PDB file of N, CA and C in Angstrom:
ATOM      1  N   MET A   1       0.840  -1.176   0.000  1.00  0.00           N
ATOM      2  CA  MET A   1       0.000   0.000   0.000  1.00  0.00           C
ATOM      3  C   MET A   1       0.884   1.237   0.000  1.00  0.00           C
ATOM      4  N   GLU A   2       0.410   2.272  -0.631  1.00  0.00           N
ATOM      5  CA  GLU A   2       1.195   3.485  -0.751  1.00  0.00           C
ATOM      6  C   GLU A   2       0.741   4.501   0.289  1.00  0.00           C
ATOM      7  N   ARG A   3       1.697   5.156   0.908  1.00  0.00           N
ATOM      8  CA  ARG A   3       1.384   6.175   1.900  1.00  0.00           C
ATOM      9  C   ARG A   3       1.411   7.542   1.235  1.00  0.00           C
ATOM     10  N   LYS A   4       0.654   8.495   1.804  1.00  0.00           N
ATOM     11  CA  LYS A   4       0.637   9.844   1.256  1.00  0.00           C
ATOM     12  C   LYS A   4       2.019  10.479   1.375  1.00  0.00           C
ATOM     13  N   ASP A   5       2.347  11.273   0.352  1.00  0.00           N
ATOM     14  CA  ASP A   5       3.594  12.039   0.326  1.00  0.00           C
ATOM     15  C   ASP A   5       4.839  11.165   0.449  1.00  0.00           C
ATOM     16  N   LYS A   6       4.765   9.934   0.054  1.00  0.00           N
ATOM     17  CA  LYS A   6       5.922   9.041   0.088  1.00  0.00           C
ATOM     18  C   LYS A   6       6.114   8.444  -1.293  1.00  0.00           C
ATOM     19  N   GLU A   7       7.305   7.997  -1.556  1.00  0.00           N
ATOM     20  CA  GLU A   7       7.596   7.292  -2.796  1.00  0.00           C
ATOM     21  C   GLU A   7       6.885   5.941  -2.787  1.00  0.00           C
ATOM     22  N   PRO A   8       6.494   5.442  -3.947  1.00  0.00           N
ATOM     23  CA  PRO A   8       5.920   4.096  -3.973  1.00  0.00           C
ATOM     24  C   PRO A   8       6.927   3.077  -3.474  1.00  0.00           C
ATOM     25  N   ARG A   9       6.462   2.117  -2.727  1.00  0.00           N
ATOM     26  CA  ARG A   9       7.350   1.085  -2.194  1.00  0.00           C
ATOM     27  C   ARG A   9       7.631   0.044  -3.258  1.00  0.00           C
ATOM     28  N   GLY A  10       8.687  -0.719  -3.060  1.00  0.00           N
ATOM     29  CA  GLY A  10       9.000  -1.811  -3.964  1.00  0.00           C
ATOM     30  C   GLY A  10      10.314  -1.585  -4.665  1.00  0.00           C
ATOM     31  N   SER A  11      10.637  -2.484  -5.533  1.00  0.00           N
ATOM     32  CA  SER A  11      11.896  -2.457  -6.259  1.00  0.00           C
ATOM     33  C   SER A  11      11.947  -1.251  -7.192  1.00  0.00           C
ATOM     34  N   LYS A  12      13.080  -0.635  -7.313  1.00  0.00           N
ATOM     35  CA  LYS A  12      13.245   0.517  -8.189  1.00  0.00           C
ATOM     36  C   LYS A  12      13.868   0.116  -9.528  1.00  0.00           C
ATOM     37  N   ASN A  13      14.064  -1.171  -9.728  1.00  0.00           N
ATOM     38  CA  ASN A  13      14.609  -1.614 -11.004  1.00  0.00           C
ATOM     39  C   ASN A  13      13.728  -2.737 -11.549  1.00  0.00           C
ATOM     40  N   GLY A  14      13.880  -3.020 -12.809  1.00  0.00           N
ATOM     41  CA  GLY A  14      13.106  -4.099 -13.419  1.00  0.00           C
ATOM     42  C   GLY A  14      11.689  -3.659 -13.748  1.00  0.00           C
ATOM     43  N   VAL A  15      10.815  -4.639 -13.899  1.00  0.00           N
ATOM     44  CA  VAL A  15       9.440  -4.385 -14.306  1.00  0.00           C
ATOM     45  C   VAL A  15       8.700  -3.565 -13.255  1.00  0.00           C
ATOM     46  N   ILE A  16       8.846  -3.913 -12.000  1.00  0.00           N
ATOM     47  CA  ILE A  16       8.138  -3.207 -10.932  1.00  0.00           C
ATOM     48  C   ILE A  16       8.612  -1.766 -10.854  1.00  0.00           C
ATOM     49  N   GLY A  17       9.915  -1.558 -10.978  1.00  0.00           N
ATOM     50  CA  GLY A  17      10.442  -0.199 -10.946  1.00  0.00           C
ATOM     51  C   GLY A  17       9.901   0.631 -12.091  1.00  0.00           C
ATOM     52  N   GLY A  18       9.808   0.044 -13.273  1.00  0.00           N
ATOM     53  CA  GLY A  18       9.234   0.743 -14.423  1.00  0.00           C
ATOM     54  C   GLY A  18       7.789   1.121 -14.175  1.00  0.00           C
ATOM     55  N   TYR A  19       7.058   0.228 -13.538  1.00  0.00           N
ATOM     56  CA  TYR A  19       5.659   0.513 -13.207  1.00  0.00           C
ATOM     57  C   TYR A  19       5.573   1.681 -12.238  1.00  0.00           C
ATOM     58  N   HIS A  20       6.433   1.672 -11.215  1.00  0.00           N
ATOM     59  CA  HIS A  20       6.398   2.745 -10.227  1.00  0.00           C
ATOM     60  C   HIS A  20       6.751   4.093 -10.871  1.00  0.00           C
ATOM     61  N   LYS A  21       7.710   4.096 -11.782  1.00  0.00           N
ATOM     62  CA  LYS A  21       8.050   5.341 -12.476  1.00  0.00           C
ATOM     63  C   LYS A  21       6.858   5.824 -13.296  1.00  0.00           C
ATOM     64  N   TRP A  22       6.198   4.903 -13.988  1.00  0.00           N
ATOM     65  CA  TRP A  22       5.033   5.247 -14.794  1.00  0.00           C
ATOM     66  C   TRP A  22       3.911   5.786 -13.900  1.00  0.00           C
ATOM     67  N   LEU A  23       3.686   5.105 -12.761  1.00  0.00           N
ATOM     68  CA  LEU A  23       2.629   5.513 -11.842  1.00  0.00           C
ATOM     69  C   LEU A  23       2.888   6.922 -11.306  1.00  0.00           C
ATOM     70  N   LYS A  24       4.136   7.207 -10.948  1.00  0.00           N
ATOM     71  CA  LYS A  24       4.487   8.525 -10.432  1.00  0.00           C
ATOM     72  C   LYS A  24       4.265   9.589 -11.511  1.00  0.00           C
ATOM     73  N   ALA A  25       4.652   9.293 -12.743  1.00  0.00           N
ATOM     74  CA  ALA A  25       4.447  10.240 -13.846  1.00  0.00           C
ATOM     75  C   ALA A  25       2.961  10.463 -14.087  1.00  0.00           C
ATOM     76  N   GLN A  26       2.163   9.413 -13.981  1.00  0.00           N
ATOM     77  CA  GLN A  26       0.727   9.551 -14.168  1.00  0.00           C
ATOM     78  C   GLN A  26       0.113  10.423 -13.081  1.00  0.00           C
ATOM     79  N   LYS A  27       0.569  10.222 -11.849  1.00  0.00           N
ATOM     80  CA  LYS A  27       0.046  11.019 -10.740  1.00  0.00           C
ATOM     81  C   LYS A  27       0.377  12.499 -10.939  1.00  0.00           C
ATOM     82  N   GLN A  28       1.575  12.775 -11.393  1.00  0.00           N
ATOM     83  CA  GLN A  28       1.974  14.164 -11.584  1.00  0.00           C
ATOM     84  C   GLN A  28       1.221  14.792 -12.749  1.00  0.00           C
ATOM     85  N   GLY A  29       0.841  13.982 -13.731  1.00  0.00           N
ATOM     86  CA  GLY A  29       0.138  14.490 -14.906  1.00  0.00           C
ATOM     87  C   GLY A  29      -1.329  14.767 -14.664  1.00  0.00           C
ATOM     88  N   ILE A  30      -1.891  14.241 -13.588  1.00  0.00           N
ATOM     89  CA  ILE A  30      -3.315  14.429 -13.311  1.00  0.00           C
ATOM     90  C   ILE A  30      -3.466  15.535 -12.283  1.00  0.00           C
ATOM     91  N   THR A  31      -3.396  16.772 -12.744  1.00  0.00           N
ATOM     92  CA  THR A  31      -3.522  17.910 -11.830  1.00  0.00           C
ATOM     93  C   THR A  31      -4.969  18.323 -11.651  1.00  0.00           C
ATOM     94  N   TRP A  32      -5.822  17.979 -12.603  1.00  0.00           N
ATOM     95  CA  TRP A  32      -7.224  18.378 -12.540  1.00  0.00           C
ATOM     96  C   TRP A  32      -8.023  17.534 -11.566  1.00  0.00           C
ATOM     97  N   LEU A  33      -7.481  16.402 -11.110  1.00  0.00           N
ATOM     98  CA  LEU A  33      -8.234  15.497 -10.249  1.00  0.00           C
ATOM     99  C   LEU A  33      -8.590  16.147  -8.919  1.00  0.00           C
ATOM    100  N   SER A  34      -7.688  16.933  -8.363  1.00  0.00           N
ATOM    101  CA  SER A  34      -7.967  17.557  -7.070  1.00  0.00           C
ATOM    102  C   SER A  34      -9.091  18.571  -7.171  1.00  0.00           C
ATOM    103  N   LYS A  35      -9.298  19.160  -8.342  1.00  0.00           N
ATOM    104  CA  LYS A  35     -10.376  20.123  -8.523  1.00  0.00           C
ATOM    105  C   LYS A  35     -11.744  19.453  -8.465  1.00  0.00           C
ATOM    106  N   LEU A  36     -11.793  18.152  -8.751  1.00  0.00           N
ATOM    107  CA  LEU A  36     -13.054  17.432  -8.760  1.00  0.00           C
ATOM    108  C   LEU A  36     -13.494  16.989  -7.374  1.00  0.00           C
ATOM    109  N   LYS A  37     -12.575  16.991  -6.414  1.00  0.00           N
ATOM    110  CA  LYS A  37     -12.914  16.542  -5.072  1.00  0.00           C
ATOM    111  C   LYS A  37     -13.870  17.526  -4.422  1.00  0.00           C
ATOM    112  N   ILE A  38     -14.865  16.990  -3.743  1.00  0.00           N
ATOM    113  CA  ILE A  38     -15.871  17.820  -3.091  1.00  0.00           C
ATOM    114  C   ILE A  38     -15.793  17.540  -1.606  1.00  0.00           C
ATOM    115  N   SER A  39     -15.780  18.596  -0.813  1.00  0.00           N
ATOM    116  CA  SER A  39     -15.725  18.379   0.625  1.00  0.00           C
ATOM    117  C   SER A  39     -17.057  17.808   1.097  1.00  0.00           C
ATOM    118  N   SER A  40     -17.035  17.126   2.231  1.00  0.00           N
ATOM    119  CA  SER A  40     -18.225  16.437   2.724  1.00  0.00           C
ATOM    120  C   SER A  40     -19.340  17.396   3.108  1.00  0.00           C
ATOM    121  N   GLY A  41     -19.051  18.655   3.369  1.00  0.00           N
ATOM    122  CA  GLY A  41     -20.060  19.619   3.766  1.00  0.00           C
ATOM    123  C   GLY A  41     -20.891  20.133   2.596  1.00  0.00           C
ATOM    124  N   GLU A  42     -20.345  20.063   1.399  1.00  0.00           N
ATOM    125  CA  GLU A  42     -21.046  20.588   0.240  1.00  0.00           C
ATOM    126  C   GLU A  42     -22.048  19.563  -0.288  1.00  0.00           C
ATOM    127  N   GLU A  43     -23.160  20.079  -0.797  1.00  0.00           N
ATOM    128  CA  GLU A  43     -24.132  19.212  -1.452  1.00  0.00           C
ATOM    129  C   GLU A  43     -24.111  19.544  -2.932  1.00  0.00           C
ATOM    130  N   VAL A  44     -24.124  18.522  -3.727  1.00  0.00           N
ATOM    131  CA  VAL A  44     -24.085  18.708  -5.165  1.00  0.00           C
ATOM    132  C   VAL A  44     -25.461  18.381  -5.713  1.00  0.00           C
ATOM    133  N   GLU A  45     -25.998  19.290  -6.498  1.00  0.00           N
ATOM    134  CA  GLU A  45     -27.307  19.064  -7.087  1.00  0.00           C
ATOM    135  C   GLU A  45     -27.125  18.341  -8.418  1.00  0.00           C
ATOM    136  N   VAL A  46     -27.726  17.186  -8.513  1.00  0.00           N
ATOM    137  CA  VAL A  46     -27.643  16.401  -9.739  1.00  0.00           C
ATOM    138  C   VAL A  46     -28.938  16.622 -10.502  1.00  0.00           C
ATOM    139  N   PRO A  47     -28.841  17.155 -11.714  1.00  0.00           N
ATOM    140  CA  PRO A  47     -30.071  17.401 -12.466  1.00  0.00           C
ATOM    141  C   PRO A  47     -30.762  16.087 -12.836  1.00  0.00           C
ATOM    142  N   GLU A  48     -32.089  16.097 -12.745  1.00  0.00           N
ATOM    143  CA  GLU A  48     -32.850  14.910 -13.099  1.00  0.00           C
ATOM    144  C   GLU A  48     -32.999  14.845 -14.608  1.00  0.00           C
ATOM    145  N   GLU A  49     -33.037  13.626 -15.105  1.00  0.00           N
ATOM    146  CA  GLU A  49     -33.194  13.445 -16.540  1.00  0.00           C
ATOM    147  C   GLU A  49     -34.656  13.634 -16.909  1.00  0.00           C
ATOM    148  N   SER A  50     -34.864  14.309 -18.004  1.00  0.00           N
ATOM    149  CA  SER A  50     -36.228  14.500 -18.465  1.00  0.00           C
ATOM    150  C   SER A  50     -36.729  13.201 -19.084  1.00  0.00           C
ATOM    151  N   GLU A  51     -38.039  13.139 -19.273  1.00  0.00           N
ATOM    152  CA  GLU A  51     -38.627  11.942 -19.885  1.00  0.00           C
ATOM    153  C   GLU A  51     -38.098  11.755 -21.302  1.00  0.00           C
ATOM    154  N   GLU A  52     -37.831  12.866 -21.972  1.00  0.00           N
ATOM    155  CA  GLU A  52     -37.313  12.788 -23.344  1.00  0.00           C
ATOM    156  C   GLU A  52     -35.926  12.144 -23.366  1.00  0.00           C
ATOM    157  N   VAL A  53     -35.080  12.543 -22.420  1.00  0.00           N
ATOM    158  CA  VAL A  53     -33.736  11.972 -22.337  1.00  0.00           C
ATOM    159  C   VAL A  53     -33.825  10.487 -22.003  1.00  0.00           C
ATOM    160  N   GLN A  54     -34.696  10.134 -21.061  1.00  0.00           N
ATOM    161  CA  GLN A  54     -34.871   8.726 -20.708  1.00  0.00           C
ATOM    162  C   GLN A  54     -35.368   7.923 -21.902  1.00  0.00           C
ATOM    163  N   ALA A  55     -36.317   8.489 -22.667  1.00  0.00           N
ATOM    164  CA  ALA A  55     -36.843   7.797 -23.850  1.00  0.00           C
ATOM    165  C   ALA A  55     -35.746   7.608 -24.895  1.00  0.00           C
ATOM    166  N   LEU A  56     -34.895   8.630 -25.076  1.00  0.00           N
ATOM    167  CA  LEU A  56     -33.797   8.518 -26.040  1.00  0.00           C
ATOM    168  C   LEU A  56     -32.802   7.446 -25.618  1.00  0.00           C
ATOM    169  N   LYS A  57     -32.504   7.406 -24.317  1.00  0.00           N
ATOM    170  CA  LYS A  57     -31.586   6.376 -23.822  1.00  0.00           C
ATOM    171  C   LYS A  57     -32.176   4.987 -24.018  1.00  0.00           C
ATOM    172  N   LEU A  58     -33.473   4.849 -23.748  1.00  0.00           N
ATOM    173  CA  LEU A  58     -34.141   3.561 -23.922  1.00  0.00           C
ATOM    174  C   LEU A  58     -34.120   3.141 -25.386  1.00  0.00           C
ATOM    175  N   GLU A  59     -34.392   4.078 -26.287  1.00  0.00           N
ATOM    176  CA  GLU A  59     -34.372   3.767 -27.717  1.00  0.00           C
ATOM    177  C   GLU A  59     -32.971   3.377 -28.162  1.00  0.00           C
ATOM    178  N   ARG A  60     -31.983   4.098 -27.687  1.00  0.00           N
ATOM    179  CA  ARG A  60     -30.585   3.766 -28.038  1.00  0.00           C
ATOM    180  C   ARG A  60     -30.238   2.367 -27.541  1.00  0.00           C
ATOM    181  N   THR A  61     -30.686   2.044 -26.329  1.00  0.00           N
ATOM    182  CA  THR A  61     -30.438   0.715 -25.777  1.00  0.00           C
ATOM    183  C   THR A  61     -31.083  -0.354 -26.649  1.00  0.00           C
ATOM    184  N   ARG A  62     -32.295  -0.102 -27.100  1.00  0.00           N
ATOM    185  CA  ARG A  62     -32.980  -1.065 -27.979  1.00  0.00           C
ATOM    186  C   ARG A  62     -32.242  -1.243 -29.297  1.00  0.00           C
ATOM    187  N   VAL A  63     -31.756  -0.134 -29.854  1.00  0.00           N
ATOM    188  CA  VAL A  63     -31.020  -0.208 -31.124  1.00  0.00           C
ATOM    189  C   VAL A  63     -29.740  -1.013 -30.947  1.00  0.00           C
ATOM    190  N   VAL A  64     -28.998  -0.726 -29.876  1.00  0.00           N
ATOM    191  CA  VAL A  64     -27.743  -1.438 -29.616  1.00  0.00           C
ATOM    192  C   VAL A  64     -28.022  -2.925 -29.385  1.00  0.00           C
ATOM    193  N   LYS A  65     -29.087  -3.221 -28.652  1.00  0.00           N
ATOM    194  CA  LYS A  65     -29.449  -4.612 -28.401  1.00  0.00           C
ATOM    195  C   LYS A  65     -29.797  -5.322 -29.702  1.00  0.00           C
ATOM    196  N   GLY A  66     -30.529  -4.645 -30.576  1.00  0.00           N
ATOM    197  CA  GLY A  66     -30.864  -5.228 -31.874  1.00  0.00           C
ATOM    198  C   GLY A  66     -29.631  -5.484 -32.720  1.00  0.00           C
ATOM    199  N   MET A  67     -28.704  -4.516 -32.723  1.00  0.00           N
ATOM    200  CA  MET A  67     -27.459  -4.692 -33.478  1.00  0.00           C
ATOM    201  C   MET A  67     -26.655  -5.855 -32.916  1.00  0.00           C
ATOM    202  N   PHE A  68     -26.623  -5.975 -31.593  1.00  0.00           N
ATOM    203  CA  PHE A  68     -25.897  -7.062 -30.953  1.00  0.00           C
ATOM    204  C   PHE A  68     -26.510  -8.404 -31.337  1.00  0.00           C
ATOM    205  N   LYS A  69     -27.855  -8.499 -31.327  1.00  0.00           N
ATOM    206  CA  LYS A  69     -28.517  -9.749 -31.695  1.00  0.00           C
ATOM    207  C   LYS A  69     -28.217 -10.128 -33.136  1.00  0.00           C
ATOM    208  N   MET A  70     -28.252  -9.131 -34.043  1.00  0.00           N
ATOM    209  CA  MET A  70     -27.951  -9.418 -35.448  1.00  0.00           C
ATOM    210  C   MET A  70     -26.516  -9.913 -35.600  1.00  0.00           C
ATOM    211  N   THR A  71     -25.598  -9.264 -34.925  1.00  0.00           N
ATOM    212  CA  THR A  71     -24.189  -9.665 -35.006  1.00  0.00           C
ATOM    213  C   THR A  71     -23.990 -11.052 -34.417  1.00  0.00           C
ATOM    214  N   ALA A  72     -24.628 -11.327 -33.277  1.00  0.00           N
ATOM    215  CA  ALA A  72     -24.501 -12.637 -32.646  1.00  0.00           C
ATOM    216  C   ALA A  72     -25.075 -13.724 -33.550  1.00  0.00           C
ATOM    217  N   THR A  73     -26.197 -13.452 -34.193  1.00  0.00           N
ATOM    218  CA  THR A  73     -26.796 -14.425 -35.105  1.00  0.00           C
ATOM    219  C   THR A  73     -25.878 -14.689 -36.290  1.00  0.00           C
ATOM    220  N   ARG A  74     -25.304 -13.618 -36.861  1.00  0.00           N
ATOM    221  CA  ARG A  74     -24.394 -13.779 -38.001  1.00  0.00           C
ATOM    222  C   ARG A  74     -23.167 -14.590 -37.607  1.00  0.00           C
ATOM    223  N   VAL A  75     -22.595 -14.285 -36.444  1.00  0.00           N
ATOM    224  CA  VAL A  75     -21.405 -15.009 -35.978  1.00  0.00           C
ATOM    225  C   VAL A  75     -21.744 -16.473 -35.714  1.00  0.00           C
ATOM    226  N   ARG A  76     -22.922 -16.733 -35.144  1.00  0.00           N
ATOM    227  CA  ARG A  76     -23.337 -18.107 -34.882  1.00  0.00           C
ATOM    228  C   ARG A  76     -23.478 -18.887 -36.193  1.00  0.00           C
ATOM    229  N   LYS A  77     -24.062 -18.252 -37.224  1.00  0.00           N
ATOM    230  CA  LYS A  77     -24.200 -18.908 -38.540  1.00  0.00           C
ATOM    231  C   LYS A  77     -22.829 -19.194 -39.148  1.00  0.00           C
ATOM    232  N   GLU A  78     -21.922 -18.219 -39.068  1.00  0.00           N
ATOM    233  CA  GLU A  78     -20.570 -18.431 -39.597  1.00  0.00           C
ATOM    234  C   GLU A  78     -19.875 -19.570 -38.865  1.00  0.00           C
ATOM    235  N   CYS A  79     -20.062 -19.644 -37.561  1.00  0.00           N
ATOM    236  CA  CYS A  79     -19.462 -20.714 -36.768  1.00  0.00           C
ATOM    237  C   CYS A  79     -20.010 -22.066 -37.206  1.00  0.00           C
ATOM    238  N   ASP A  80     -21.327 -22.146 -37.405  1.00  0.00           N
ATOM    239  CA  ASP A  80     -21.937 -23.404 -37.852  1.00  0.00           C
ATOM    240  C   ASP A  80     -21.417 -23.804 -39.232  1.00  0.00           C
ATOM    241  N   GLU A  81     -21.289 -22.827 -40.134  1.00  0.00           N
ATOM    242  CA  GLU A  81     -20.766 -23.123 -41.471  1.00  0.00           C
ATOM    243  C   GLU A  81     -19.329 -23.629 -41.391  1.00  0.00           C
ATOM    244  N   LEU A  82     -18.503 -22.970 -40.575  1.00  0.00           N
ATOM    245  CA  LEU A  82     -17.112 -23.413 -40.427  1.00  0.00           C
ATOM    246  C   LEU A  82     -17.033 -24.799 -39.794  1.00  0.00           C
ATOM    247  N   ARG A  83     -17.933 -25.093 -38.862  1.00  0.00           N
ATOM    248  CA  ARG A  83     -17.966 -26.412 -38.249  1.00  0.00           C
ATOM    249  C   ARG A  83     -18.307 -27.471 -39.304  1.00  0.00           C
ATOM    250  N   ASP A  84     -19.278 -27.147 -40.176  1.00  0.00           N
ATOM    251  CA  ASP A  84     -19.642 -28.084 -41.242  1.00  0.00           C
ATOM    252  C   ASP A  84     -18.477 -28.314 -42.195  1.00  0.00           C
ATOM    253  N   VAL A  85     -17.789 -27.250 -42.569  1.00  0.00           N
ATOM    254  CA  VAL A  85     -16.628 -27.374 -43.450  1.00  0.00           C
ATOM    255  C   VAL A  85     -15.555 -28.206 -42.771  1.00  0.00           C
ATOM    256  N   ASN A  86     -15.342 -27.968 -41.488  1.00  0.00           N
ATOM    257  CA  ASN A  86     -14.340 -28.712 -40.733  1.00  0.00           C
ATOM    258  C   ASN A  86     -14.686 -30.200 -40.696  1.00  0.00           C
ATOM    259  N   MET A  87     -15.955 -30.522 -40.448  1.00  0.00           N
ATOM    260  CA  MET A  87     -16.378 -31.926 -40.403  1.00  0.00           C
ATOM    261  C   MET A  87     -16.195 -32.587 -41.762  1.00  0.00           C
ATOM    262  N   ALA A  88     -16.539 -31.874 -42.842  1.00  0.00           N
ATOM    263  CA  ALA A  88     -16.364 -32.424 -44.189  1.00  0.00           C
ATOM    264  C   ALA A  88     -14.885 -32.663 -44.473  1.00  0.00           C
ATOM    265  N   THR A  89     -14.036 -31.765 -44.044  1.00  0.00           N
ATOM    266  CA  THR A  89     -12.596 -31.917 -44.242  1.00  0.00           C
ATOM    267  C   THR A  89     -12.072 -33.115 -43.462  1.00  0.00           C
ATOM    268  N   ILE A  90     -12.540 -33.284 -42.236  1.00  0.00           N
ATOM    269  CA  ILE A  90     -12.117 -34.421 -41.417  1.00  0.00           C
ATOM    270  C   ILE A  90     -12.538 -35.732 -42.072  1.00  0.00           C
ATOM    271  N   GLU A  91     -13.781 -35.782 -42.544  1.00  0.00           N
ATOM    272  CA  GLU A  91     -14.258 -37.003 -43.207  1.00  0.00           C
ATOM    273  C   GLU A  91     -13.450 -37.308 -44.451  1.00  0.00           C
ATOM    274  N   ALA A  92     -13.170 -36.291 -45.275  1.00  0.00           N
ATOM    275  CA  ALA A  92     -12.377 -36.489 -46.485  1.00  0.00           C
ATOM    276  C   ALA A  92     -10.971 -36.953 -46.139  1.00  0.00           C
ATOM    277  N   LEU A  93     -10.382 -36.404 -45.101  1.00  0.00           N
ATOM    278  CA  LEU A  93      -9.047 -36.802 -44.676  1.00  0.00           C
ATOM    279  C   LEU A  93      -9.045 -38.249 -44.204  1.00  0.00           C
ATOM    280  N   GLU A  94     -10.065 -38.645 -43.442  1.00  0.00           N
ATOM    281  CA  GLU A  94     -10.151 -40.031 -42.978  1.00  0.00           C
ATOM    282  C   GLU A  94     -10.298 -40.992 -44.146  1.00  0.00           C
ATOM    283  N   GLN A  95     -11.129 -40.639 -45.119  1.00  0.00           N
ATOM    284  CA  GLN A  95     -11.295 -41.503 -46.305  1.00  0.00           C
ATOM    285  C   GLN A  95     -10.003 -41.609 -47.091  1.00  0.00           C
ATOM    286  N   GLU A  96      -9.318 -40.494 -47.249  1.00  0.00           N
ATOM    287  CA  GLU A  96      -8.044 -40.508 -47.983  1.00  0.00           C
ATOM    288  C   GLU A  96      -6.999 -41.323 -47.237  1.00  0.00           C
ATOM    289  N   THR A  97      -6.987 -41.240 -45.922  1.00  0.00           N
ATOM    290  CA  THR A  97      -6.051 -42.021 -45.121  1.00  0.00           C
ATOM    291  C   THR A  97      -6.348 -43.513 -45.263  1.00  0.00           C
ATOM    292  N   LYS A  98      -7.621 -43.891 -45.212  1.00  0.00           N
ATOM    293  CA  LYS A  98      -8.006 -45.296 -45.387  1.00  0.00           C
ATOM    294  C   LYS A  98      -7.608 -45.797 -46.762  1.00  0.00           C
ATOM    295  N   ARG A  99      -7.856 -44.977 -47.793  1.00  0.00           N
ATOM    296  CA  ARG A  99      -7.505 -45.367 -49.160  1.00  0.00           C
ATOM    297  C   ARG A  99      -5.996 -45.553 -49.300  1.00  0.00           C
ATOM    298  N   ALA A 100      -5.223 -44.648 -48.688  1.00  0.00           N
ATOM    299  CA  ALA A 100      -3.767 -44.740 -48.769  1.00  0.00           C
ATOM    300  C   ALA A 100      -3.263 -45.979 -48.035  1.00  0.00           C
ATOM    301  N   ARG A 101      -3.873 -46.316 -46.902  1.00  0.00           N
ATOM    302  CA  ARG A 101      -3.464 -47.511 -46.164  1.00  0.00           C
ATOM    303  C   ARG A 101      -3.787 -48.776 -46.961  1.00  0.00           C
ATOM    304  N   LYS A 102      -4.969 -48.811 -47.592  1.00  0.00           N
ATOM    305  CA  LYS A 102      -5.320 -49.979 -48.407  1.00  0.00           C
ATOM    306  C   LYS A 102      -4.344 -50.135 -49.561  1.00  0.00           C
ATOM    307  N   LYS A 103      -3.994 -49.025 -50.186  1.00  0.00           N
ATOM    308  CA  LYS A 103      -3.074 -49.069 -51.303  1.00  0.00           C
ATOM    309  C   LYS A 103      -1.695 -49.540 -50.844  1.00  0.00           C
ATOM    310  N   GLU A 104      -1.268 -49.046 -49.673  1.00  0.00           N
ATOM    311  CA  GLU A 104       0.038 -49.384 -49.149  1.00  0.00           C
ATOM    312  C   GLU A 104       0.117 -50.864 -48.737  1.00  0.00           C
ATOM    313  N   TRP A 105      -0.937 -51.371 -48.061  1.00  0.00           N
ATOM    314  CA  TRP A 105      -0.916 -52.735 -47.529  1.00  0.00           C
ATOM    315  C   TRP A 105      -1.562 -53.743 -48.478  1.00  0.00           C
ATOM    316  N   GLY A 106      -2.366 -53.283 -49.395  1.00  0.00           N
ATOM    317  CA  GLY A 106      -3.114 -54.227 -50.198  1.00  0.00           C
ATOM    318  C   GLY A 106      -2.513 -54.439 -51.506  1.00  0.00           C
TER     319      GLY A 106
END
């Protein structure tokens, strides 16, 4: 665990050291984060969504769900087709192997 105002603990070389250097650089680069903190005494008013916004979100959800179903159906069909091709290839390979063995031994 990291303590406030202290260097990250752990190895300073190797993979872990590289991570700690990256983490420190990331922390220094995020200066706007402290501006977002709200003290416990303040109350923040969150605007309520209108019915129109809720309806738009619901419609978007339905559209995305429909697109997902279409994509899932297409992928399932492609998978079934590839499985059929694979089975046909396996059968052809087995027949060719049997024919080659008969030719070799017979």
